[in-house]
Amino acid sequence: MNEEQYMQMKQQAQQGFANSGGVENATGNEVFYRPPLDNIEGATNVDHPIPYLEMGSSFLIGLAVGFFIKKSFKIGLFILGFALIAMFFLESQGVFKIDDKVLEQSISQGADYFNYLVAAVKERITSFQTGVGALAGFVVGLKLG
């Protein structure tokens, strides 16, 4: 920006200040001036400073559920992995013996319970009035988590 452009912008601002009813101090100098957005090229009015406030409640609920499920799934897998490593190490040291049939049955029951949880989450998310928004929020929550 050169000096001529600066002076033009300053003059426009002073004219806008005089027309906008700005606040002046006792010496007549401007204390506060907020130019109107109508005069600025390319300026847009923003209704909400936080874009998440414009989203529907079903999207936000889906987002929270997806985020929580992914975080809890990661924590659960970490704990399960640590328990399996500890269990196999203790078995190799002769502390106890693992029955393969009981282990297979426990894994089968865990898989059934996981399928039940997935079905419950699907049913809960689609029960919202706007299921598409909730589903989109759930996907975004899984991605963020």
C-alpha atoms as a PDB file:
ATOM      1  CA  MET A   1       0.000   0.000   0.000  1.00  0.00           C
ATOM      2  CA  ASN A   2       1.441   3.331  -0.959  1.00  0.00           C
ATOM      3  CA  GLU A   3       0.966   6.647   0.791  1.00  0.00           C
ATOM      4  CA  GLU A   4      -1.771   7.845  -1.552  1.00  0.00           C
ATOM      5  CA  GLN A   5      -3.893   4.727  -0.948  1.00  0.00           C
ATOM      6  CA  TYR A   6      -3.337   5.072   2.793  1.00  0.00           C
ATOM      7  CA  MET A   7      -4.520   8.690   2.743  1.00  0.00           C
ATOM      8  CA  GLN A   8      -7.627   7.757   0.738  1.00  0.00           C
ATOM      9  CA  MET A   9      -8.515   5.004   3.196  1.00  0.00           C
ATOM     10  CA  LYS A  10      -7.925   7.332   6.143  1.00  0.00           C
ATOM     11  CA  GLN A  11     -10.153  10.000   4.582  1.00  0.00           C
ATOM     12  CA  GLN A  12     -12.904   7.439   3.929  1.00  0.00           C
ATOM     13  CA  ALA A  13     -12.653   6.228   7.518  1.00  0.00           C
ATOM     14  CA  GLN A  14     -12.908   9.761   8.880  1.00  0.00           C
ATOM     15  CA  GLN A  15     -15.953  10.447   6.714  1.00  0.00           C
ATOM     16  CA  GLY A  16     -17.516   7.204   7.865  1.00  0.00           C
ATOM     17  CA  PHE A  17     -16.758   8.135  11.466  1.00  0.00           C
ATOM     18  CA  ALA A  18     -18.453  11.478  11.112  1.00  0.00           C
ATOM     19  CA  ASN A  19     -21.519   9.821   9.578  1.00  0.00           C
ATOM     20  CA  SER A  20     -21.700   6.877  11.960  1.00  0.00           C
ATOM     21  CA  GLY A  21     -22.000   8.785  15.223  1.00  0.00           C
ATOM     22  CA  GLY A  22     -18.679   7.571  16.596  1.00  0.00           C
ATOM     23  CA  VAL A  23     -17.385   8.458  20.034  1.00  0.00           C
ATOM     24  CA  GLU A  24     -14.979  11.370  20.453  1.00  0.00           C
ATOM     25  CA  ASN A  25     -13.025  12.484  23.492  1.00  0.00           C
ATOM     26  CA  ALA A  26     -12.879  16.045  24.864  1.00  0.00           C
ATOM     27  CA  THR A  27     -10.238  17.167  22.337  1.00  0.00           C
ATOM     28  CA  GLY A  28     -12.350  16.039  19.404  1.00  0.00           C
ATOM     29  CA  ASN A  29     -10.136  13.100  18.493  1.00  0.00           C
ATOM     30  CA  GLU A  30     -11.862   9.862  17.658  1.00  0.00           C
ATOM     31  CA  VAL A  31     -11.653   7.297  20.440  1.00  0.00           C
ATOM     32  CA  PHE A  32     -13.573   4.462  18.900  1.00  0.00           C
ATOM     33  CA  TYR A  33     -14.550   3.796  15.351  1.00  0.00           C
ATOM     34  CA  ARG A  34     -16.001   0.647  13.872  1.00  0.00           C
ATOM     35  CA  PRO A  35     -16.497   0.952  10.135  1.00  0.00           C
ATOM     36  CA  PRO A  36     -19.712  -0.493   8.774  1.00  0.00           C
ATOM     37  CA  LEU A  37     -19.232  -3.806   6.995  1.00  0.00           C
ATOM     38  CA  ASP A  38     -21.389  -2.656   4.093  1.00  0.00           C
ATOM     39  CA  ASN A  39     -18.597  -0.401   2.808  1.00  0.00           C
ATOM     40  CA  ILE A  40     -15.877  -3.053   2.855  1.00  0.00           C
ATOM     41  CA  GLU A  41     -15.564  -5.163  -0.268  1.00  0.00           C
ATOM     42  CA  GLY A  42     -15.725  -8.896   0.274  1.00  0.00           C
ATOM     43  CA  ALA A  43     -16.916  -8.618   3.881  1.00  0.00           C
ATOM     44  CA  THR A  44     -19.597 -11.045   5.008  1.00  0.00           C
ATOM     45  CA  ASN A  45     -21.830 -10.929   8.025  1.00  0.00           C
ATOM     46  CA  VAL A  46     -21.353 -13.891  10.327  1.00  0.00           C
ATOM     47  CA  ASP A  47     -24.323 -14.843  12.470  1.00  0.00           C
ATOM     48  CA  HIS A  48     -22.419 -17.135  14.834  1.00  0.00           C
ATOM     49  CA  PRO A  49     -18.708 -16.903  15.585  1.00  0.00           C
ATOM     50  CA  ILE A  50     -18.635 -20.632  16.401  1.00  0.00           C
ATOM     51  CA  PRO A  51     -19.754 -22.730  13.408  1.00  0.00           C
ATOM     52  CA  TYR A  52     -20.826 -25.663  15.619  1.00  0.00           C
ATOM     53  CA  LEU A  53     -23.672 -23.549  17.014  1.00  0.00           C
ATOM     54  CA  GLU A  54     -25.404 -23.633  13.641  1.00  0.00           C
ATOM     55  CA  MET A  55     -25.479 -27.431  13.501  1.00  0.00           C
ATOM     56  CA  GLY A  56     -28.496 -29.418  14.551  1.00  0.00           C
ATOM     57  CA  SER A  57     -28.698 -31.105  17.915  1.00  0.00           C
ATOM     58  CA  SER A  58     -28.814 -34.555  16.336  1.00  0.00           C
ATOM     59  CA  PHE A  59     -25.503 -33.867  14.573  1.00  0.00           C
ATOM     60  CA  LEU A  60     -23.902 -32.759  17.841  1.00  0.00           C
ATOM     61  CA  ILE A  61     -25.243 -35.799  19.697  1.00  0.00           C
ATOM     62  CA  GLY A  62     -23.961 -38.082  16.926  1.00  0.00           C
ATOM     63  CA  LEU A  63     -20.601 -36.299  17.072  1.00  0.00           C
ATOM     64  CA  ALA A  64     -20.341 -36.825  20.826  1.00  0.00           C
ATOM     65  CA  VAL A  65     -21.393 -40.475  20.602  1.00  0.00           C
ATOM     66  CA  GLY A  66     -18.943 -41.221  17.775  1.00  0.00           C
ATOM     67  CA  PHE A  67     -16.076 -39.480  19.570  1.00  0.00           C
ATOM     68  CA  PHE A  68     -16.816 -41.284  22.855  1.00  0.00           C
ATOM     69  CA  ILE A  69     -17.160 -44.682  21.188  1.00  0.00           C
ATOM     70  CA  LYS A  70     -13.861 -44.379  19.339  1.00  0.00           C
ATOM     71  CA  LYS A  71     -11.978 -43.191  22.434  1.00  0.00           C
ATOM     72  CA  SER A  72     -13.481 -45.894  24.650  1.00  0.00           C
ATOM     73  CA  PHE A  73     -12.806 -48.527  21.969  1.00  0.00           C
ATOM     74  CA  LYS A  74      -9.134 -47.506  21.844  1.00  0.00           C
ATOM     75  CA  ILE A  75      -8.836 -47.648  25.638  1.00  0.00           C
ATOM     76  CA  GLY A  76     -10.602 -51.019  25.739  1.00  0.00           C
ATOM     77  CA  LEU A  77      -8.305 -52.471  23.089  1.00  0.00           C
ATOM     78  CA  PHE A  78      -5.252 -51.226  24.975  1.00  0.00           C
ATOM     79  CA  ILE A  79      -6.443 -52.829  28.221  1.00  0.00           C
ATOM     80  CA  LEU A  80      -7.390 -56.066  26.432  1.00  0.00           C
ATOM     81  CA  GLY A  81      -4.006 -56.244  24.704  1.00  0.00           C
ATOM     82  CA  PHE A  82      -2.157 -55.651  27.961  1.00  0.00           C
ATOM     83  CA  ALA A  83      -4.244 -58.321  29.713  1.00  0.00           C
ATOM     84  CA  LEU A  84      -3.605 -60.860  26.937  1.00  0.00           C
ATOM     85  CA  ILE A  85       0.149 -60.204  26.988  1.00  0.00           C
ATOM     86  CA  ALA A  86       0.235 -60.524  30.774  1.00  0.00           C
ATOM     87  CA  MET A  87      -1.876 -63.683  30.662  1.00  0.00           C
ATOM     88  CA  PHE A  88       0.302 -65.394  28.055  1.00  0.00           C
ATOM     89  CA  PHE A  89       3.468 -64.365  29.900  1.00  0.00           C
ATOM     90  CA  LEU A  90       2.175 -65.768  33.189  1.00  0.00           C
ATOM     91  CA  GLU A  91       1.159 -68.985  31.439  1.00  0.00           C
ATOM     92  CA  SER A  92       4.638 -69.356  29.949  1.00  0.00           C
ATOM     93  CA  GLN A  93       6.093 -68.941  33.450  1.00  0.00           C
ATOM     94  CA  GLY A  94       3.875 -71.752  34.756  1.00  0.00           C
ATOM     95  CA  VAL A  95       1.780 -69.580  37.100  1.00  0.00           C
ATOM     96  CA  PHE A  96      -1.472 -70.971  35.646  1.00  0.00           C
ATOM     97  CA  LYS A  97      -2.780 -72.883  32.627  1.00  0.00           C
ATOM     98  CA  ILE A  98      -5.162 -71.435  30.042  1.00  0.00           C
ATOM     99  CA  ASP A  99      -7.951 -73.732  28.855  1.00  0.00           C
ATOM    100  CA  ASP A 100      -8.335 -73.199  25.099  1.00  0.00           C
ATOM    101  CA  LYS A 101     -12.058 -74.034  25.066  1.00  0.00           C
ATOM    102  CA  VAL A 102     -12.813 -71.488  27.785  1.00  0.00           C
ATOM    103  CA  LEU A 103     -10.743 -68.872  25.944  1.00  0.00           C
ATOM    104  CA  GLU A 104     -12.618 -69.523  22.678  1.00  0.00           C
ATOM    105  CA  GLN A 105     -15.958 -69.334  24.490  1.00  0.00           C
ATOM    106  CA  SER A 106     -14.997 -66.030  26.135  1.00  0.00           C
ATOM    107  CA  ILE A 107     -13.925 -64.552  22.802  1.00  0.00           C
ATOM    108  CA  SER A 108     -17.195 -65.705  21.221  1.00  0.00           C
ATOM    109  CA  GLN A 109     -19.223 -64.094  24.019  1.00  0.00           C
ATOM    110  CA  GLY A 110     -17.210 -60.885  23.644  1.00  0.00           C
ATOM    111  CA  ALA A 111     -17.877 -60.810  19.897  1.00  0.00           C
ATOM    112  CA  ASP A 112     -21.611 -61.321  20.507  1.00  0.00           C
ATOM    113  CA  TYR A 113     -21.651 -58.482  23.037  1.00  0.00           C
ATOM    114  CA  PHE A 114     -19.790 -56.213  20.592  1.00  0.00           C
ATOM    115  CA  ASN A 115     -22.367 -56.970  17.874  1.00  0.00           C
ATOM    116  CA  TYR A 116     -25.122 -56.125  20.367  1.00  0.00           C
ATOM    117  CA  LEU A 117     -23.457 -52.780  21.134  1.00  0.00           C
ATOM    118  CA  VAL A 118     -23.100 -51.937  17.438  1.00  0.00           C
ATOM    119  CA  ALA A 119     -26.775 -52.727  16.842  1.00  0.00           C
ATOM    120  CA  ALA A 120     -27.801 -50.639  19.864  1.00  0.00           C
ATOM    121  CA  VAL A 121     -25.768 -47.638  18.670  1.00  0.00           C
ATOM    122  CA  LYS A 122     -27.215 -47.923  15.144  1.00  0.00           C
ATOM    123  CA  GLU A 123     -30.745 -48.074  16.489  1.00  0.00           C
ATOM    124  CA  ARG A 124     -30.150 -45.150  18.839  1.00  0.00           C
ATOM    125  CA  ILE A 125     -28.641 -42.928  16.160  1.00  0.00           C
ATOM    126  CA  THR A 126     -31.358 -43.646  13.598  1.00  0.00           C
ATOM    127  CA  SER A 127     -34.075 -42.940  16.185  1.00  0.00           C
ATOM    128  CA  PHE A 128     -33.353 -39.208  16.009  1.00  0.00           C
ATOM    129  CA  GLN A 129     -35.740 -37.171  13.880  1.00  0.00           C
ATOM    130  CA  THR A 130     -32.987 -36.243  11.471  1.00  0.00           C
ATOM    131  CA  GLY A 131     -31.095 -39.499  11.215  1.00  0.00           C
ATOM    132  CA  VAL A 132     -28.899 -38.193   8.402  1.00  0.00           C
ATOM    133  CA  GLY A 133     -27.501 -35.422  10.582  1.00  0.00           C
ATOM    134  CA  ALA A 134     -26.923 -37.808  13.466  1.00  0.00           C
ATOM    135  CA  LEU A 135     -25.227 -40.303  11.189  1.00  0.00           C
ATOM    136  CA  ALA A 136     -23.024 -37.562   9.736  1.00  0.00           C
ATOM    137  CA  GLY A 137     -22.136 -36.401  13.250  1.00  0.00           C
ATOM    138  CA  PHE A 138     -21.361 -39.973  14.265  1.00  0.00           C
ATOM    139  CA  VAL A 139     -19.006 -40.406  11.300  1.00  0.00           C
ATOM    140  CA  VAL A 140     -17.287 -37.091  12.060  1.00  0.00           C
ATOM    141  CA  GLY A 141     -16.995 -38.093  15.735  1.00  0.00           C
ATOM    142  CA  LEU A 142     -15.371 -41.392  14.737  1.00  0.00           C
ATOM    143  CA  LYS A 143     -12.960 -39.505  12.510  1.00  0.00           C
ATOM    144  CA  LEU A 144     -12.056 -36.966  15.221  1.00  0.00           C
ATOM    145  CA  GLY A 145     -11.792 -39.502  18.043  1.00  0.00           C
END
